[in-house]
Each structure stands twice: as structure tokens, then as C-alpha cells.
Amino acid sequence: MNVDDNNPSFVAEKGHWKRFAVPLAYLGNEIFHKLFKMSEEEFGISSDRPITLPGDSEYMDYILSLIQRGEATDFEKILTIPLPHDSTAQ
């Protein structure tokens, strides 16, 4: 199932999403800047639906835990961890 007809990216079926509440302070982190850019390239931008980020929920849990612990300084290394291509985190 696609987000819309103009976007061929894979989107998880209903019930396979996980929503994350991200502290505003985290959004200034370089990792989130990169994730938002990747999201824009893969899924496009829409103001009428939640932001879809690449990766699965375990990947997002990992990213959030690194930022929370202050260990998210080497964002290039973190972003080279392979992302699952068959699911997304939201």
C-alpha cells in the first residue's frame, strides 16, 4: 500500500506502525536533520499526515536512546547502520 499514487515507497500495513513522541530538544540533533531529509526524499512532504521516518521501531528506539544518553555525536556512523527496507517508524 502506498501513501499516495505519486509515491511508490513502501508503507507498512495498518497495525504495523509505532508512533513516537520525540522531545522538541531532540529535533535539533543532527541525526534528526538527516532522518527528516531521508524521509522527505523517500516519502515526500505532507501537512495532512504524520511524518514517516525511514527505519523500524527498534531503529528509532536505538536513535532516541543514543540522544537521551548524549552518545549521538557520530551521526555519520549511526546513520550507516542498515535501515530495514520493509518497515517504517512514525
Protein backbone atom coordinates (compact mmCIF):
# COMPACT_ATOMS: atom_id res chain seq x y z
CA MET A 1 0.00 0.00 0.00
CA ASN A 2 1.37 3.43 -0.92
CA VAL A 3 0.86 6.76 0.79
CA ASP A 4 -0.47 8.13 -2.48
CA ASP A 5 -0.35 7.32 -6.19
CA ASN A 6 2.65 9.61 -6.73
CA ASN A 7 4.79 7.93 -4.09
CA PRO A 8 6.00 4.38 -4.77
CA SER A 9 7.70 3.97 -1.37
CA PHE A 10 6.63 1.08 0.82
CA VAL A 11 4.34 1.91 3.70
CA ALA A 12 3.56 -0.60 6.43
CA GLU A 13 0.06 -2.02 6.58
CA LYS A 14 -2.40 -0.88 9.24
CA GLY A 15 -1.37 -2.07 12.68
CA HIS A 16 2.35 -2.12 11.87
CA TRP A 17 3.08 1.48 12.81
CA LYS A 18 4.56 2.79 16.01
CA ARG A 19 4.21 6.44 16.94
CA PHE A 20 6.97 8.18 18.81
CA ALA A 21 6.68 11.28 20.96
CA VAL A 22 10.03 12.98 20.49
CA PRO A 23 11.12 15.76 22.86
CA LEU A 24 11.46 19.04 20.97
CA ALA A 25 15.07 19.36 22.09
CA TYR A 26 15.92 16.17 20.16
CA LEU A 27 14.70 17.68 16.89
CA GLY A 28 17.73 19.96 16.81
CA ASN A 29 20.05 16.94 16.79
CA GLU A 30 21.96 16.35 13.55
CA ILE A 31 20.62 12.78 13.40
CA PHE A 32 17.05 14.04 13.17
CA HIS A 33 18.05 16.54 10.49
CA LYS A 34 19.41 13.62 8.45
CA LEU A 35 16.36 11.43 9.16
CA PHE A 36 13.99 14.24 8.11
CA LYS A 37 15.96 14.70 4.88
CA MET A 38 15.82 10.95 4.20
CA SER A 39 12.09 10.99 4.96
CA GLU A 40 11.49 13.86 2.55
CA GLU A 41 13.39 12.06 -0.21
CA GLU A 42 11.62 8.74 0.37
CA PHE A 43 8.08 9.73 1.35
CA GLY A 44 7.70 13.38 0.35
CA ILE A 45 6.25 16.14 2.50
CA SER A 46 2.63 16.36 3.55
CA SER A 47 0.93 18.61 6.06
CA ASP A 48 -2.10 16.35 6.43
CA ARG A 49 -0.43 13.22 7.83
CA PRO A 50 2.23 12.31 10.41
CA ILE A 51 5.89 12.42 9.45
CA THR A 52 7.09 9.00 8.32
CA LEU A 53 10.72 8.26 9.11
CA PRO A 54 12.83 5.54 7.49
CA GLY A 55 13.61 2.51 9.60
CA ASP A 56 11.69 0.39 12.03
CA SER A 57 10.69 0.97 15.64
CA GLU A 58 13.79 -0.76 17.02
CA TYR A 59 15.98 1.60 14.98
CA MET A 60 14.09 4.63 16.32
CA ASP A 61 14.31 3.30 19.89
CA TYR A 62 18.07 3.00 19.38
CA ILE A 63 18.41 6.51 17.95
CA LEU A 64 16.33 8.02 20.77
CA SER A 65 18.32 6.17 23.44
CA LEU A 66 21.61 7.43 21.98
CA ILE A 67 20.38 11.01 22.00
CA GLN A 68 19.00 10.65 25.53
CA ARG A 69 22.35 9.34 26.81
CA GLY A 70 24.28 12.04 24.96
CA GLU A 71 26.02 9.45 22.80
CA ALA A 72 24.65 10.60 19.45
CA THR A 73 27.71 12.56 18.40
CA ASP A 74 28.94 10.45 15.48
CA PHE A 75 25.80 10.73 13.37
CA GLU A 76 27.53 9.52 10.21
CA LYS A 77 28.40 6.24 11.91
CA ILE A 78 24.91 5.89 13.37
CA LEU A 79 23.22 6.55 10.05
CA THR A 80 25.34 3.93 8.31
CA ILE A 81 23.60 1.22 10.32
CA PRO A 82 21.49 -0.53 7.69
CA LEU A 83 17.86 0.50 7.74
CA PRO A 84 15.20 -2.16 7.26
CA HIS A 85 13.55 -1.58 3.89
CA ASP A 86 10.32 -3.37 4.66
CA SER A 87 9.02 -1.22 7.50
CA THR A 88 8.93 2.36 8.70
CA ALA A 89 8.72 4.15 12.01
CA GLN A 90 6.40 7.01 12.57
